[in-house]
Amino acid sequence: FGDGYEQRRVTGLNSNLKKYSVTIRTKRQDAGYLEDFLSEHNGVKAFLWTPPYGYRQIKVVCRKWSVKAGLLKTTFTAMFEQVVV
């Protein structure tokens, strides 16, 4: 719902939504683009993503992520949660 509440049921059409722990490594100079993207969506606005071993995109939100910057690469660790919009 629009105010932070979610409807959850064991049975029904949306009972099998997935969560994915995602690790993304990018060049350090490109890390800002991903950080901006995740910040702009702010864990609320869904975006399309293709899961591993999948061929169809699903809608997900990312409510939390962490960043580890190295000399050449930056590593993002995120939790993508499937949503129905």
C-alpha atoms as a PDB file:
ATOM      1  CA  PHE A   1       0.000   0.000   0.000  1.00  0.00           C
ATOM      2  CA  GLY A   2       1.175   3.592  -0.390  1.00  0.00           C
ATOM      3  CA  ASP A   3       2.015   4.229   3.261  1.00  0.00           C
ATOM      4  CA  GLY A   4       4.609   1.502   3.809  1.00  0.00           C
ATOM      5  CA  TYR A   5       2.240  -1.346   4.630  1.00  0.00           C
ATOM      6  CA  GLU A   6       2.266  -4.555   2.631  1.00  0.00           C
ATOM      7  CA  GLN A   7      -0.331  -7.246   2.201  1.00  0.00           C
ATOM      8  CA  ARG A   8       1.063 -10.741   2.791  1.00  0.00           C
ATOM      9  CA  ARG A   9      -0.704 -14.079   2.596  1.00  0.00           C
ATOM     10  CA  VAL A  10       0.533 -17.632   2.357  1.00  0.00           C
ATOM     11  CA  THR A  11      -1.980 -18.407  -0.368  1.00  0.00           C
ATOM     12  CA  GLY A  12      -3.082 -16.397  -3.338  1.00  0.00           C
ATOM     13  CA  LEU A  13      -1.693 -14.954  -6.524  1.00  0.00           C
ATOM     14  CA  ASN A  14       1.354 -13.255  -4.973  1.00  0.00           C
ATOM     15  CA  SER A  15       2.408 -15.899  -2.465  1.00  0.00           C
ATOM     16  CA  ASN A  16       5.621 -16.959  -4.201  1.00  0.00           C
ATOM     17  CA  LEU A  17       7.523 -13.680  -4.518  1.00  0.00           C
ATOM     18  CA  LYS A  18      11.298 -14.133  -4.418  1.00  0.00           C
ATOM     19  CA  LYS A  19      14.190 -12.337  -2.723  1.00  0.00           C
ATOM     20  CA  TYR A  20      17.643 -12.247  -4.285  1.00  0.00           C
ATOM     21  CA  SER A  21      20.969 -11.405  -2.685  1.00  0.00           C
ATOM     22  CA  VAL A  22      22.836  -9.630  -5.476  1.00  0.00           C
ATOM     23  CA  THR A  23      26.512  -8.707  -5.779  1.00  0.00           C
ATOM     24  CA  ILE A  24      27.489  -6.227  -8.475  1.00  0.00           C
ATOM     25  CA  ARG A  25      31.100  -5.317  -9.236  1.00  0.00           C
ATOM     26  CA  THR A  26      31.714  -2.243 -11.313  1.00  0.00           C
ATOM     27  CA  LYS A  27      34.573   0.038 -12.273  1.00  0.00           C
ATOM     28  CA  ARG A  28      35.116   2.592  -9.559  1.00  0.00           C
ATOM     29  CA  GLN A  29      34.368   5.494 -11.918  1.00  0.00           C
ATOM     30  CA  ASP A  30      30.967   3.944 -12.820  1.00  0.00           C
ATOM     31  CA  ALA A  31      29.862   3.228  -9.237  1.00  0.00           C
ATOM     32  CA  GLY A  32      28.165   6.599  -8.859  1.00  0.00           C
ATOM     33  CA  TYR A  33      25.638   5.726 -11.560  1.00  0.00           C
ATOM     34  CA  LEU A  34      24.483   2.619  -9.687  1.00  0.00           C
ATOM     35  CA  GLU A  35      24.443   4.438  -6.351  1.00  0.00           C
ATOM     36  CA  ASP A  36      22.317   7.206  -7.894  1.00  0.00           C
ATOM     37  CA  PHE A  37      19.936   4.680  -9.466  1.00  0.00           C
ATOM     38  CA  LEU A  38      19.350   2.850  -6.182  1.00  0.00           C
ATOM     39  CA  SER A  39      18.995   6.107  -4.247  1.00  0.00           C
ATOM     40  CA  GLU A  40      16.504   7.549  -6.737  1.00  0.00           C
ATOM     41  CA  HIS A  41      14.326   4.432  -6.470  1.00  0.00           C
ATOM     42  CA  ASN A  42      14.649   4.656  -2.675  1.00  0.00           C
ATOM     43  CA  GLY A  43      13.356   1.143  -1.993  1.00  0.00           C
ATOM     44  CA  VAL A  44       9.892   2.182  -3.168  1.00  0.00           C
ATOM     45  CA  LYS A  45       9.912   2.549  -6.942  1.00  0.00           C
ATOM     46  CA  ALA A  46      10.132  -0.832  -8.692  1.00  0.00           C
ATOM     47  CA  PHE A  47      12.485  -1.502 -11.596  1.00  0.00           C
ATOM     48  CA  LEU A  48      12.930  -4.355 -14.060  1.00  0.00           C
ATOM     49  CA  TRP A  49      15.672  -6.926 -13.448  1.00  0.00           C
ATOM     50  CA  THR A  50      16.502 -10.316 -14.936  1.00  0.00           C
ATOM     51  CA  PRO A  51      17.242 -12.917 -12.239  1.00  0.00           C
ATOM     52  CA  PRO A  52      20.072 -15.418 -12.632  1.00  0.00           C
ATOM     53  CA  TYR A  53      19.107 -18.408 -14.743  1.00  0.00           C
ATOM     54  CA  GLY A  54      16.058 -16.450 -15.842  1.00  0.00           C
ATOM     55  CA  TYR A  55      15.021 -15.189 -19.220  1.00  0.00           C
ATOM     56  CA  ARG A  56      12.119 -12.923 -18.236  1.00  0.00           C
ATOM     57  CA  GLN A  57      12.464  -9.670 -16.384  1.00  0.00           C
ATOM     58  CA  ILE A  58      10.685  -9.239 -13.069  1.00  0.00           C
ATOM     59  CA  LYS A  59       9.838  -6.121 -11.079  1.00  0.00           C
ATOM     60  CA  VAL A  60      11.908  -5.673  -7.938  1.00  0.00           C
ATOM     61  CA  VAL A  61      12.644  -3.103  -5.273  1.00  0.00           C
ATOM     62  CA  CYS A  62      15.935  -2.654  -3.444  1.00  0.00           C
ATOM     63  CA  ARG A  63      15.376  -1.448   0.117  1.00  0.00           C
ATOM     64  CA  LYS A  64      18.931  -1.950   1.334  1.00  0.00           C
ATOM     65  CA  TRP A  65      22.394  -2.183  -0.109  1.00  0.00           C
ATOM     66  CA  SER A  66      25.995  -1.706   0.933  1.00  0.00           C
ATOM     67  CA  VAL A  67      29.049  -0.509  -0.950  1.00  0.00           C
ATOM     68  CA  LYS A  68      32.705  -1.486  -0.655  1.00  0.00           C
ATOM     69  CA  ALA A  69      35.096   0.649  -2.695  1.00  0.00           C
ATOM     70  CA  GLY A  70      38.400  -0.827  -3.781  1.00  0.00           C
ATOM     71  CA  LEU A  71      41.265   0.706  -5.729  1.00  0.00           C
ATOM     72  CA  LEU A  72      39.908  -0.258  -9.151  1.00  0.00           C
ATOM     73  CA  LYS A  73      36.518  -1.857  -8.492  1.00  0.00           C
ATOM     74  CA  THR A  74      33.520  -1.051  -6.323  1.00  0.00           C
ATOM     75  CA  THR A  75      31.348  -3.871  -4.993  1.00  0.00           C
ATOM     76  CA  PHE A  76      27.656  -3.405  -4.250  1.00  0.00           C
ATOM     77  CA  THR A  77      25.794  -5.982  -2.188  1.00  0.00           C
ATOM     78  CA  ALA A  78      22.024  -5.594  -2.407  1.00  0.00           C
ATOM     79  CA  MET A  79      18.767  -7.374  -1.622  1.00  0.00           C
ATOM     80  CA  PHE A  80      16.297  -7.358  -4.518  1.00  0.00           C
ATOM     81  CA  GLU A  81      12.708  -8.211  -3.569  1.00  0.00           C
ATOM     82  CA  GLN A  82      10.199  -9.181  -6.226  1.00  0.00           C
ATOM     83  CA  VAL A  83       7.031  -7.093  -6.220  1.00  0.00           C
ATOM     84  CA  VAL A  84       3.774  -7.040  -8.121  1.00  0.00           C
ATOM     85  CA  VAL A  85       2.901  -3.592  -9.374  1.00  0.00           C
END
